[in-house]
Structure formats: C-alpha cells, structure tokens
Amino acid sequence: MSRNKARRFGKKKVMRQNIAKERIKILLAQAETQALAGEMELANRYASLARKIGMRYQVKMPRGFNLKFCRKCLSFLVPGKNARFRMTGGRLTRQCLKCDSYYRLPIGGK
C-alpha cells in the first residue's frame, strides 16, 4: 500500500516541477522584456519570483540564466543597463554595476 502511495505522490511532484519550469521560463522572459524597456524594479521582481519558485520546487534555472543574476545582491543583470560583460584573457568577466562585484568564468578548454 505504501508503495502505491509513493508512486502517486511521485507523479504529483514531477507534474509540479514541470509546471514550475514553465512558470520560471515565463517569468524570466518577462524580466528580460521589462529590463530592456527600462523597468528594472519590475524585472528584479520577476527574476526573484522565478528564483523562489525554483527553490520551492527544487528546479534548476534554465541554461544560461544563472549568468544573469548577481550572486551578491541577487539583481537581474542586463548587459548595458546594470551590468558589464567583458572577454579578457580567455575569461568572461561580468561586473554588477549596482554592487560593483566581479565574477570571472573560464571560457573554452584545452
């Protein structure tokens, strides 16, 4: 009996995670459009909601979106608006202009 119960709740968990992934994608797309329109407060709100949904349902961010968050102040980074992205010496350097923190990521491999 407990085995059937585990299967049933496991299916619900997977369904909830799929819904959460869809909501995260929608919220991050909205955050991008609002940021490009100049509404940075609204973009940060959408991005923080997406992060909260991801943490609650244990869902990873879509690929590439983890680069768009400042790890220090958790703001949504938009190149040219509130962030600076540079390629220097085989590394991607991103700087949050809100809190002036730097992050360096190695690009490519041997």
N, C-alpha and C. Protein backbone atom coordinates (compact mmCIF):
# COMPACT_ATOMS: atom_id res chain seq x y z
N MET A 1 0.82 -1.19 0.00
CA MET A 1 0.00 0.00 0.00
C MET A 1 0.86 1.26 0.00
N SER A 2 1.91 1.27 0.80
CA SER A 2 2.76 2.46 0.85
C SER A 2 3.49 2.65 -0.48
N ARG A 3 3.71 1.56 -1.20
CA ARG A 3 4.38 1.66 -2.48
C ARG A 3 3.53 2.41 -3.49
N ASN A 4 2.24 2.14 -3.52
CA ASN A 4 1.34 2.85 -4.43
C ASN A 4 1.25 4.32 -4.07
N LYS A 5 1.25 4.57 -2.76
CA LYS A 5 1.17 5.95 -2.30
C LYS A 5 2.41 6.73 -2.75
N ALA A 6 3.58 6.09 -2.67
CA ALA A 6 4.82 6.75 -3.09
C ALA A 6 4.79 7.06 -4.59
N ARG A 7 4.29 6.12 -5.37
CA ARG A 7 4.20 6.35 -6.81
C ARG A 7 3.27 7.51 -7.13
N ARG A 8 2.15 7.54 -6.43
CA ARG A 8 1.16 8.58 -6.70
C ARG A 8 1.72 9.96 -6.37
N PHE A 9 2.38 10.09 -5.22
CA PHE A 9 2.92 11.38 -4.85
C PHE A 9 4.14 11.74 -5.68
N GLY A 10 4.87 10.74 -6.16
CA GLY A 10 6.00 10.99 -7.04
C GLY A 10 5.54 11.59 -8.36
N LYS A 11 4.41 11.12 -8.88
CA LYS A 11 3.87 11.68 -10.12
C LYS A 11 3.45 13.12 -9.91
N LYS A 12 2.85 13.41 -8.77
CA LYS A 12 2.43 14.78 -8.49
C LYS A 12 3.64 15.69 -8.39
N LYS A 13 4.72 15.20 -7.81
CA LYS A 13 5.91 16.01 -7.67
C LYS A 13 6.48 16.35 -9.04
N VAL A 14 6.52 15.37 -9.93
CA VAL A 14 7.04 15.61 -11.28
C VAL A 14 6.15 16.59 -12.02
N MET A 15 4.84 16.46 -11.85
CA MET A 15 3.92 17.39 -12.51
C MET A 15 4.13 18.81 -11.98
N ARG A 16 4.29 18.94 -10.67
CA ARG A 16 4.52 20.26 -10.08
C ARG A 16 5.83 20.87 -10.57
N GLN A 17 6.85 20.03 -10.70
CA GLN A 17 8.14 20.53 -11.18
C GLN A 17 8.06 20.99 -12.63
N ASN A 18 7.29 20.27 -13.45
CA ASN A 18 7.11 20.69 -14.84
C ASN A 18 6.39 22.02 -14.93
N ILE A 19 5.36 22.20 -14.11
CA ILE A 19 4.64 23.47 -14.09
C ILE A 19 5.56 24.59 -13.61
N ALA A 20 6.38 24.28 -12.61
CA ALA A 20 7.31 25.28 -12.07
C ALA A 20 8.32 25.69 -13.15
N LYS A 21 8.82 24.73 -13.95
CA LYS A 21 9.76 25.06 -15.02
C LYS A 21 9.14 26.01 -16.04
N GLU A 22 7.87 25.73 -16.39
CA GLU A 22 7.18 26.60 -17.34
C GLU A 22 7.02 28.01 -16.77
N ARG A 23 6.64 28.10 -15.51
CA ARG A 23 6.45 29.41 -14.88
C ARG A 23 7.76 30.18 -14.79
N ILE A 24 8.83 29.47 -14.48
CA ILE A 24 10.15 30.11 -14.41
C ILE A 24 10.53 30.69 -15.76
N LYS A 25 10.33 29.92 -16.83
CA LYS A 25 10.67 30.41 -18.17
C LYS A 25 9.85 31.65 -18.52
N ILE A 26 8.57 31.63 -18.18
CA ILE A 26 7.71 32.78 -18.48
C ILE A 26 8.17 34.00 -17.69
N LEU A 27 8.43 33.82 -16.40
CA LEU A 27 8.85 34.95 -15.57
C LEU A 27 10.19 35.52 -16.01
N LEU A 28 11.13 34.68 -16.40
CA LEU A 28 12.42 35.18 -16.83
C LEU A 28 12.31 35.90 -18.17
N ALA A 29 11.43 35.42 -19.04
CA ALA A 29 11.20 36.13 -20.31
C ALA A 29 10.59 37.51 -20.05
N GLN A 30 9.64 37.57 -19.12
CA GLN A 30 9.04 38.84 -18.75
C GLN A 30 10.08 39.77 -18.12
N ALA A 31 10.96 39.22 -17.30
CA ALA A 31 12.00 40.02 -16.67
C ALA A 31 12.91 40.64 -17.73
N GLU A 32 13.25 39.85 -18.75
CA GLU A 32 14.10 40.37 -19.82
C GLU A 32 13.42 41.49 -20.58
N THR A 33 12.16 41.31 -20.93
CA THR A 33 11.46 42.34 -21.69
C THR A 33 11.30 43.62 -20.86
N GLN A 34 11.00 43.48 -19.59
CA GLN A 34 10.84 44.66 -18.73
C GLN A 34 12.18 45.37 -18.53
N ALA A 35 13.26 44.60 -18.42
CA ALA A 35 14.58 45.20 -18.23
C ALA A 35 14.99 45.99 -19.47
N LEU A 36 14.71 45.44 -20.64
CA LEU A 36 15.06 46.15 -21.87
C LEU A 36 14.20 47.39 -22.06
N ALA A 37 12.99 47.39 -21.49
CA ALA A 37 12.11 48.55 -21.56
C ALA A 37 12.49 49.61 -20.53
N GLY A 38 13.39 49.28 -19.61
CA GLY A 38 13.85 50.24 -18.63
C GLY A 38 13.23 50.09 -17.25
N GLU A 39 12.36 49.14 -17.06
CA GLU A 39 11.70 48.90 -15.78
C GLU A 39 12.51 47.89 -14.96
N MET A 40 13.61 48.34 -14.36
CA MET A 40 14.49 47.42 -13.66
C MET A 40 13.89 46.89 -12.37
N GLU A 41 13.08 47.68 -11.69
CA GLU A 41 12.45 47.19 -10.45
C GLU A 41 11.51 46.02 -10.75
N LEU A 42 10.73 46.16 -11.80
CA LEU A 42 9.81 45.09 -12.18
C LEU A 42 10.58 43.86 -12.66
N ALA A 43 11.66 44.08 -13.39
CA ALA A 43 12.49 42.96 -13.86
C ALA A 43 13.09 42.21 -12.68
N ASN A 44 13.58 42.94 -11.68
CA ASN A 44 14.13 42.29 -10.49
C ASN A 44 13.07 41.51 -9.74
N ARG A 45 11.86 42.03 -9.70
CA ARG A 45 10.76 41.34 -9.01
C ARG A 45 10.42 40.03 -9.73
N TYR A 46 10.31 40.08 -11.05
CA TYR A 46 10.02 38.86 -11.81
C TYR A 46 11.13 37.83 -11.63
N ALA A 47 12.38 38.28 -11.66
CA ALA A 47 13.51 37.37 -11.51
C ALA A 47 13.54 36.76 -10.11
N SER A 48 13.22 37.56 -9.09
CA SER A 48 13.23 37.00 -7.73
C SER A 48 12.09 36.00 -7.55
N LEU A 49 10.94 36.25 -8.18
CA LEU A 49 9.85 35.28 -8.11
C LEU A 49 10.25 33.97 -8.79
N ALA A 50 10.95 34.08 -9.92
CA ALA A 50 11.40 32.87 -10.62
C ALA A 50 12.38 32.08 -9.74
N ARG A 51 13.29 32.78 -9.06
CA ARG A 51 14.23 32.11 -8.17
C ARG A 51 13.51 31.41 -7.02
N LYS A 52 12.50 32.08 -6.46
CA LYS A 52 11.76 31.50 -5.34
C LYS A 52 11.00 30.25 -5.77
N ILE A 53 10.40 30.29 -6.95
CA ILE A 53 9.68 29.11 -7.46
C ILE A 53 10.67 27.96 -7.66
N GLY A 54 11.84 28.28 -8.20
CA GLY A 54 12.86 27.25 -8.41
C GLY A 54 13.32 26.61 -7.12
N MET A 55 13.48 27.42 -6.08
CA MET A 55 13.92 26.88 -4.79
C MET A 55 12.81 26.07 -4.13
N ARG A 56 11.58 26.53 -4.25
CA ARG A 56 10.48 25.84 -3.59
C ARG A 56 10.24 24.45 -4.18
N TYR A 57 10.29 24.35 -5.51
CA TYR A 57 10.01 23.08 -6.17
C TYR A 57 11.27 22.34 -6.60
N GLN A 58 12.43 22.79 -6.16
CA GLN A 58 13.72 22.15 -6.42
C GLN A 58 13.95 21.95 -7.91
N VAL A 59 13.83 23.07 -8.64
CA VAL A 59 14.00 23.07 -10.08
C VAL A 59 15.18 23.98 -10.41
N LYS A 60 16.05 23.53 -11.31
CA LYS A 60 17.18 24.34 -11.72
C LYS A 60 16.72 25.43 -12.68
N MET A 61 17.48 26.51 -12.70
CA MET A 61 17.22 27.58 -13.66
C MET A 61 17.52 27.08 -15.06
N PRO A 62 16.82 27.58 -16.07
CA PRO A 62 17.16 27.20 -17.44
C PRO A 62 18.60 27.59 -17.76
N ARG A 63 19.20 26.86 -18.66
CA ARG A 63 20.60 27.06 -19.00
C ARG A 63 20.83 28.49 -19.49
N GLY A 64 21.85 29.12 -18.97
CA GLY A 64 22.21 30.46 -19.38
C GLY A 64 21.65 31.55 -18.49
N PHE A 65 20.60 31.26 -17.75
CA PHE A 65 20.01 32.29 -16.90
C PHE A 65 20.74 32.46 -15.59
N ASN A 66 21.56 31.49 -15.21
CA ASN A 66 22.32 31.67 -13.97
C ASN A 66 23.38 32.74 -14.12
N LEU A 67 23.78 33.07 -15.36
CA LEU A 67 24.73 34.15 -15.59
C LEU A 67 24.07 35.51 -15.45
N LYS A 68 22.77 35.56 -15.46
CA LYS A 68 22.06 36.83 -15.45
C LYS A 68 21.65 37.28 -14.06
N PHE A 69 22.19 36.65 -13.04
CA PHE A 69 21.92 37.05 -11.66
C PHE A 69 23.23 37.43 -10.99
N CYS A 70 23.19 38.49 -10.22
CA CYS A 70 24.34 38.85 -9.39
C CYS A 70 24.30 37.96 -8.16
N ARG A 71 25.40 37.35 -7.84
CA ARG A 71 25.43 36.44 -6.69
C ARG A 71 25.47 37.18 -5.37
N LYS A 72 25.86 38.44 -5.40
CA LYS A 72 25.97 39.20 -4.17
C LYS A 72 24.66 39.91 -3.82
N CYS A 73 24.10 40.68 -4.77
CA CYS A 73 22.89 41.45 -4.47
C CYS A 73 21.64 40.83 -5.08
N LEU A 74 21.78 39.73 -5.82
CA LEU A 74 20.67 38.97 -6.42
C LEU A 74 19.84 39.79 -7.40
N SER A 75 20.42 40.79 -8.02
CA SER A 75 19.68 41.57 -9.01
C SER A 75 19.80 40.91 -10.38
N PHE A 76 18.84 41.20 -11.23
CA PHE A 76 18.80 40.66 -12.58
C PHE A 76 19.72 41.51 -13.44
N LEU A 77 20.72 40.88 -14.07
CA LEU A 77 21.72 41.61 -14.82
C LEU A 77 21.35 41.69 -16.30
N VAL A 78 21.42 42.92 -16.82
CA VAL A 78 21.17 43.16 -18.23
C VAL A 78 22.39 43.89 -18.79
N PRO A 79 23.07 43.31 -19.79
CA PRO A 79 24.26 43.98 -20.32
C PRO A 79 23.91 45.36 -20.87
N GLY A 80 24.69 46.34 -20.45
CA GLY A 80 24.48 47.70 -20.90
C GLY A 80 23.60 48.52 -19.99
N LYS A 81 22.74 47.89 -19.22
CA LYS A 81 21.85 48.62 -18.31
C LYS A 81 22.43 48.66 -16.90
N ASN A 82 22.68 47.49 -16.33
CA ASN A 82 23.20 47.46 -14.97
C ASN A 82 24.33 46.44 -14.81
N ALA A 83 24.90 46.01 -15.94
CA ALA A 83 26.00 45.04 -15.88
C ALA A 83 26.98 45.29 -17.02
N ARG A 84 28.20 44.86 -16.79
CA ARG A 84 29.24 44.98 -17.80
C ARG A 84 29.84 43.60 -18.01
N PHE A 85 29.82 43.12 -19.24
CA PHE A 85 30.38 41.82 -19.59
C PHE A 85 31.58 42.05 -20.49
N ARG A 86 32.71 41.43 -20.16
CA ARG A 86 33.94 41.58 -20.94
C ARG A 86 34.59 40.22 -21.12
N MET A 87 35.29 40.07 -22.26
CA MET A 87 36.13 38.89 -22.51
C MET A 87 37.58 39.32 -22.33
N THR A 88 38.25 38.79 -21.32
CA THR A 88 39.64 39.15 -21.08
C THR A 88 40.45 37.90 -20.77
N GLY A 89 41.44 37.66 -21.58
CA GLY A 89 42.38 36.57 -21.30
C GLY A 89 41.73 35.20 -21.20
N GLY A 90 40.79 34.88 -22.07
CA GLY A 90 40.14 33.58 -22.03
C GLY A 90 39.14 33.42 -20.91
N ARG A 91 38.72 34.55 -20.34
CA ARG A 91 37.72 34.51 -19.27
C ARG A 91 36.60 35.49 -19.57
N LEU A 92 35.41 35.15 -19.15
CA LEU A 92 34.29 36.07 -19.21
C LEU A 92 34.21 36.76 -17.85
N THR A 93 34.33 38.07 -17.87
CA THR A 93 34.27 38.86 -16.64
C THR A 93 32.97 39.64 -16.66
N ARG A 94 32.17 39.47 -15.63
CA ARG A 94 30.94 40.24 -15.55
C ARG A 94 30.98 41.06 -14.26
N GLN A 95 30.50 42.30 -14.39
CA GLN A 95 30.52 43.21 -13.26
C GLN A 95 29.11 43.74 -13.06
N CYS A 96 28.62 43.61 -11.85
CA CYS A 96 27.33 44.19 -11.47
C CYS A 96 27.59 45.65 -11.15
N LEU A 97 26.89 46.55 -11.82
CA LEU A 97 27.09 47.97 -11.59
C LEU A 97 26.33 48.47 -10.38
N LYS A 98 25.48 47.63 -9.81
CA LYS A 98 24.72 48.02 -8.62
C LYS A 98 25.58 47.87 -7.35
N CYS A 99 26.26 46.73 -7.24
CA CYS A 99 27.07 46.49 -6.04
C CYS A 99 28.57 46.40 -6.33
N ASP A 100 28.97 46.59 -7.60
CA ASP A 100 30.37 46.58 -8.03
C ASP A 100 31.09 45.27 -7.72
N SER A 101 30.41 44.15 -7.87
CA SER A 101 31.06 42.86 -7.66
C SER A 101 31.45 42.27 -9.02
N TYR A 102 32.58 41.57 -9.05
CA TYR A 102 33.09 40.94 -10.27
C TYR A 102 32.93 39.43 -10.16
N TYR A 103 32.70 38.79 -11.30
CA TYR A 103 32.67 37.34 -11.39
C TYR A 103 33.41 36.95 -12.65
N ARG A 104 34.30 36.02 -12.54
CA ARG A 104 35.10 35.58 -13.68
C ARG A 104 34.84 34.12 -13.95
N LEU A 105 34.56 33.81 -15.22
CA LEU A 105 34.29 32.44 -15.63
C LEU A 105 35.25 32.04 -16.74
N PRO A 106 35.90 30.90 -16.63
CA PRO A 106 36.79 30.46 -17.72
C PRO A 106 35.98 30.07 -18.95
N ILE A 107 36.46 30.45 -20.10
CA ILE A 107 35.78 30.14 -21.35
C ILE A 107 36.68 29.20 -22.14
N GLY A 108 36.09 28.16 -22.70
CA GLY A 108 36.85 27.22 -23.51
C GLY A 108 37.63 26.26 -22.65
N GLY A 109 38.31 25.35 -23.30
CA GLY A 109 39.11 24.37 -22.57
C GLY A 109 40.23 23.86 -23.43
N LYS A 110 41.09 23.09 -22.81
CA LYS A 110 42.24 22.55 -23.55
C LYS A 110 41.93 21.16 -24.02
